[in-house]
Amino acid sequence: MLENREGQNVPQVIFRTRRDHEWVDVTSDEMFRGKTVVVFSLPGAFTPTCSSTHVPRYNQLTTIFKQHGVDEVICISVNDAFVMNEWRNEQKAFNVTFLPDGNGDFSRGMGMLVPKNELGFGDRSWRYSMLVKDGVIEKMFIEPDVPGDPFEASDADTMLAHIAPNAAKPLDVTVFTREGCEYCVRAKGLLRDAGIQFEELILNHGYTEATIRAISGMSTVPQVFINGEHIGGSEELEAYMANTSRNAA
């Protein structure tokens, strides 16, 4: 049975990290004492759910967490420092601190070290998240103790709802562009001026015009999508943002 350890101190361990090609030992006290920290722990670097959902959403919401009193968001996995650093780079998850629990000492101390021998993983961390204040666990979200790798409770949105239930979440914005397009530059400038983060997909960098037509029904760029809604080009984006500002006022 996985134990909820709310009200207890986090385990006192040493995390063996790598910085600038040097070993740097980091203690639990250095990571948690005097801080408010969100931790999410998962079975393994580069694994499907961890890479596609768990890490990206925490990375996206870290700025919102920090606006509501969180000092740091930490990802812990029973992997070595080399793997964790490479995973962070591959994910471009630079808002999150990746801590290697290579020997499983922290996960074992949390009572969350479980055998994954059927997958050839050995012992790994169960998936969970927690809010830690000054080294004391205030809240835990533990995935149900069922076969497989459940992902129902430890996600970033659940943690944010606990910390700041009325917090506004960032928009999901994608902009299809091409190099040398002045209207694309304008659209990106509008978003940047409004402080809106976005992902840019550049024509002929991994996709062709056929993809733009398939998704938007148009072949011109830019094409802007916000929270699943097709906004259109730079003029439509400007009108959308002006209307949004008026409604907010």
Protein backbone atom coordinates (compact mmCIF):
# COMPACT_ATOMS: atom_id res chain seq x y z
CA MET A 1 0.00 0.00 0.00
CA LEU A 2 1.41 3.38 -1.00
CA GLU A 3 1.54 5.68 2.02
CA ASN A 4 0.39 9.27 2.04
CA ARG A 5 3.08 11.14 3.99
CA GLU A 6 1.44 14.52 4.40
CA GLY A 7 2.76 16.29 7.49
CA GLN A 8 6.10 14.46 7.37
CA ASN A 9 9.53 15.71 6.37
CA VAL A 10 10.98 14.79 3.00
CA PRO A 11 13.75 12.15 3.13
CA GLN A 12 17.27 13.41 3.82
CA VAL A 13 19.35 12.24 0.87
CA ILE A 14 22.12 13.40 -1.44
CA PHE A 15 21.29 13.89 -5.10
CA ARG A 16 24.28 13.34 -7.38
CA THR A 17 23.88 15.91 -10.16
CA ARG A 18 26.06 16.99 -13.09
CA ARG A 19 26.74 20.65 -13.87
CA ASP A 20 29.23 21.83 -16.48
CA HIS A 21 30.75 18.33 -16.70
CA GLU A 22 31.36 18.19 -12.94
CA TRP A 23 29.71 16.16 -10.19
CA VAL A 24 27.75 18.36 -7.78
CA ASP A 25 26.19 16.79 -4.68
CA VAL A 26 22.94 18.45 -3.62
CA THR A 27 21.23 17.71 -0.31
CA SER A 28 17.55 17.59 0.49
CA ASP A 29 18.01 20.63 2.72
CA GLU A 30 19.45 22.63 -0.17
CA MET A 31 16.45 21.78 -2.32
CA PHE A 32 13.67 22.16 0.21
CA ARG A 33 14.63 24.14 3.32
CA GLY A 34 13.01 27.58 3.45
CA LYS A 35 11.26 27.06 0.11
CA THR A 36 7.86 26.19 -1.28
CA VAL A 37 8.44 23.42 -3.81
CA VAL A 38 6.24 21.39 -6.14
CA VAL A 39 7.62 17.91 -6.82
CA PHE A 40 6.41 15.43 -9.37
CA SER A 41 7.99 11.99 -9.52
CA LEU A 42 7.63 9.46 -12.30
CA PRO A 43 8.82 6.03 -13.44
CA GLY A 44 11.43 6.95 -16.00
CA ALA A 45 13.04 9.46 -18.32
CA PHE A 46 12.06 9.26 -22.00
CA THR A 47 9.06 7.01 -21.23
CA PRO A 48 5.81 7.81 -23.11
CA THR A 49 3.47 9.37 -20.54
CA CYS A 50 6.30 11.12 -18.75
CA SER A 51 7.58 12.73 -21.95
CA SER A 52 4.33 13.44 -23.75
CA THR A 53 2.24 14.81 -20.89
CA HIS A 54 3.68 14.87 -17.38
CA VAL A 55 6.84 16.92 -17.97
CA PRO A 56 5.54 19.28 -20.71
CA ARG A 57 2.53 20.48 -18.74
CA TYR A 58 4.52 21.10 -15.55
CA ASN A 59 7.08 22.99 -17.61
CA GLN A 60 4.31 25.08 -19.18
CA LEU A 61 2.63 25.87 -15.85
CA THR A 62 5.79 26.58 -13.83
CA THR A 63 5.49 30.34 -14.38
CA ILE A 64 1.92 30.20 -13.06
CA PHE A 65 3.01 28.19 -10.02
CA LYS A 66 5.67 30.80 -9.28
CA GLN A 67 3.10 33.59 -9.50
CA HIS A 68 1.28 31.84 -6.65
CA GLY A 69 4.13 31.38 -4.20
CA VAL A 70 6.01 28.34 -5.49
CA ASP A 71 9.78 28.80 -5.58
CA GLU A 72 10.70 25.77 -7.67
CA VAL A 73 9.17 22.87 -9.59
CA ILE A 74 11.20 19.65 -9.40
CA CYS A 75 11.01 16.45 -11.43
CA ILE A 76 12.44 13.34 -9.75
CA SER A 77 13.06 9.99 -11.39
CA VAL A 78 15.19 6.94 -10.61
CA ASN A 79 17.64 7.72 -13.39
CA ASP A 80 21.23 8.92 -13.35
CA ALA A 81 22.31 12.53 -13.82
CA PHE A 82 23.45 12.03 -17.43
CA VAL A 83 20.05 10.68 -18.47
CA MET A 84 18.12 13.34 -16.56
CA ASN A 85 20.15 16.18 -18.08
CA GLU A 86 19.75 14.80 -21.59
CA TRP A 87 16.02 14.30 -21.06
CA ARG A 88 15.59 17.87 -19.88
CA ASN A 89 17.40 19.13 -22.97
CA GLU A 90 15.39 16.90 -25.29
CA GLN A 91 12.16 18.10 -23.69
CA LYS A 92 13.33 21.74 -23.63
CA ALA A 93 11.85 21.74 -20.12
CA PHE A 94 14.10 24.48 -18.78
CA ASN A 95 11.53 25.83 -16.31
CA VAL A 96 11.71 22.60 -14.29
CA THR A 97 14.59 21.35 -12.12
CA PHE A 98 15.43 17.72 -12.93
CA LEU A 99 16.81 15.78 -9.95
CA PRO A 100 18.38 12.35 -10.50
CA ASP A 101 17.49 9.76 -7.87
CA GLY A 102 19.86 7.24 -9.38
CA ASN A 103 20.02 4.85 -6.42
CA GLY A 104 16.35 5.34 -5.54
CA ASP A 105 17.23 6.72 -2.10
CA PHE A 106 14.66 9.52 -2.17
CA SER A 107 11.93 7.34 -3.67
CA ARG A 108 12.66 4.61 -1.13
CA GLY A 109 12.50 7.14 1.70
CA MET A 110 9.13 8.32 0.40
CA GLY A 111 7.85 4.74 0.35
CA MET A 112 7.35 5.12 -3.40
CA LEU A 113 10.04 2.78 -4.76
CA VAL A 114 8.28 -0.05 -6.59
CA PRO A 115 9.50 -2.99 -8.71
CA LYS A 116 9.10 -2.62 -12.47
CA ASN A 117 10.90 -5.88 -13.23
CA GLU A 118 8.32 -6.96 -15.80
CA LEU A 119 9.47 -4.03 -17.95
CA GLY A 120 13.15 -4.61 -17.30
CA PHE A 121 13.32 -1.35 -15.33
CA GLY A 122 14.26 -2.75 -11.92
CA ASP A 123 13.06 -0.55 -9.05
CA ARG A 124 11.49 2.78 -10.04
CA SER A 125 9.43 5.53 -8.47
CA TRP A 126 5.66 5.30 -8.40
CA ARG A 127 4.02 8.30 -10.07
CA TYR A 128 2.99 11.01 -7.61
CA SER A 129 3.22 14.74 -6.94
CA MET A 130 3.50 16.75 -3.75
CA LEU A 131 3.62 20.27 -2.38
CA VAL A 132 6.49 20.74 0.07
CA LYS A 133 6.89 23.76 2.35
CA ASP A 134 10.16 24.20 4.25
CA GLY A 135 10.89 20.50 3.91
CA VAL A 136 7.46 19.36 5.17
CA ILE A 137 5.03 17.61 2.83
CA GLU A 138 1.80 19.60 2.86
CA LYS A 139 -0.12 17.79 0.12
CA MET A 140 0.35 14.60 -1.91
CA PHE A 141 -1.39 13.35 -5.03
CA ILE A 142 -0.61 9.65 -5.44
CA GLU A 143 -1.68 7.64 -8.44
CA PRO A 144 -3.98 4.71 -7.59
CA ASP A 145 -2.27 1.44 -6.71
CA VAL A 146 -3.41 -0.51 -9.74
CA PRO A 147 -1.48 -2.44 -12.42
CA GLY A 148 0.28 -0.48 -15.13
CA ASP A 149 1.16 3.19 -15.02
CA PRO A 150 -1.96 5.15 -14.02
CA PHE A 151 -1.93 8.90 -14.63
CA GLU A 152 -4.99 10.42 -13.04
CA ALA A 153 -3.98 12.53 -10.04
CA SER A 154 -0.39 13.77 -10.19
CA ASP A 155 -0.74 16.05 -13.22
CA ALA A 156 0.16 19.74 -13.18
CA ASP A 157 -3.42 20.96 -13.51
CA THR A 158 -4.52 19.07 -10.41
CA MET A 159 -1.65 20.55 -8.42
CA LEU A 160 -2.42 24.06 -9.68
CA ALA A 161 -6.09 23.65 -8.76
CA HIS A 162 -4.97 22.82 -5.22
CA ILE A 163 -2.58 25.76 -4.92
CA ALA A 164 -4.55 28.40 -6.81
CA PRO A 165 -7.99 27.16 -7.93
CA ASN A 166 -8.86 30.43 -9.66
CA ALA A 167 -5.54 30.89 -11.47
CA ALA A 168 -5.75 31.74 -15.15
CA LYS A 169 -3.95 29.14 -17.23
CA PRO A 170 -1.69 30.01 -20.16
CA LEU A 171 -3.10 29.86 -23.66
CA ASP A 172 -2.04 27.03 -25.96
CA VAL A 173 -0.87 28.88 -29.07
CA THR A 174 0.69 27.59 -32.28
CA VAL A 175 1.74 29.74 -35.23
CA PHE A 176 2.45 28.29 -38.68
CA THR A 177 5.03 30.51 -40.41
CA ARG A 178 7.63 30.56 -43.16
CA GLU A 179 11.00 32.24 -43.32
CA GLY A 180 10.99 35.79 -44.74
CA CYS A 181 7.26 36.33 -44.18
CA GLU A 182 6.57 39.87 -42.91
CA TYR A 183 3.03 38.99 -41.85
CA CYS A 184 4.41 36.12 -39.78
CA VAL A 185 6.77 38.56 -38.07
CA ARG A 186 3.81 40.80 -37.31
CA ALA A 187 1.75 37.97 -35.84
CA LYS A 188 4.61 36.85 -33.61
CA GLY A 189 5.18 40.43 -32.51
CA LEU A 190 1.53 40.82 -31.52
CA LEU A 191 1.76 37.71 -29.37
CA ARG A 192 5.06 38.70 -27.79
CA ASP A 193 3.82 42.22 -27.01
CA ALA A 194 0.85 40.67 -25.23
CA GLY A 195 3.15 38.37 -23.24
CA ILE A 196 1.65 35.26 -24.85
CA GLN A 197 3.94 32.28 -25.31
CA PHE A 198 3.59 30.31 -28.52
CA GLU A 199 5.09 27.49 -30.52
CA GLU A 200 6.25 28.32 -34.03
CA LEU A 201 6.12 25.74 -36.82
CA ILE A 202 8.17 26.89 -39.82
CA LEU A 203 7.16 25.76 -43.31
CA ASN A 204 9.49 23.15 -44.85
CA HIS A 205 11.08 22.44 -41.46
CA GLY A 206 9.60 18.99 -40.99
CA TYR A 207 6.30 19.63 -42.77
CA THR A 208 5.00 21.05 -46.04
CA GLU A 209 2.21 23.32 -47.24
CA ALA A 210 -0.05 20.27 -47.41
CA THR A 211 -0.06 20.14 -43.60
CA ILE A 212 -1.22 23.77 -43.33
CA ARG A 213 -4.03 23.09 -45.81
CA ALA A 214 -5.05 19.90 -43.99
CA ILE A 215 -5.28 21.67 -40.65
CA SER A 216 -6.52 25.16 -41.54
CA GLY A 217 -8.04 24.72 -44.99
CA MET A 218 -5.70 27.44 -46.23
CA SER A 219 -2.20 27.54 -47.70
CA THR A 220 -1.14 31.05 -46.66
CA VAL A 221 0.89 31.91 -43.58
CA PRO A 222 0.79 32.85 -40.82
CA GLN A 223 -1.97 30.63 -39.52
CA VAL A 224 -2.60 31.06 -35.79
CA PHE A 225 -4.37 28.57 -33.52
CA ILE A 226 -5.34 29.38 -29.92
CA ASN A 227 -6.72 26.72 -27.57
CA GLY A 228 -7.76 24.62 -30.55
CA GLU A 229 -9.48 27.50 -32.35
CA HIS A 230 -8.29 28.57 -35.79
CA ILE A 231 -7.82 32.34 -35.57
CA GLY A 232 -6.31 32.97 -39.02
CA GLY A 233 -3.58 35.32 -40.17
CA SER A 234 -2.04 38.44 -38.63
CA GLU A 235 -5.07 40.69 -39.30
CA GLU A 236 -7.47 38.16 -37.79
CA LEU A 237 -5.13 37.76 -34.82
CA GLU A 238 -5.05 41.51 -34.25
CA ALA A 239 -8.87 41.65 -34.33
CA TYR A 240 -9.09 38.64 -31.99
CA MET A 241 -6.75 40.23 -29.47
CA ALA A 242 -8.53 43.59 -29.61
CA ASN A 243 -11.85 41.86 -28.99
CA THR A 244 -10.39 39.84 -26.13
CA SER A 245 -9.04 43.03 -24.54
CA ARG A 246 -12.43 44.75 -24.81
CA ASN A 247 -14.21 41.78 -23.22
CA ALA A 248 -11.64 41.66 -20.41
CA ALA A 249 -12.24 45.35 -19.71
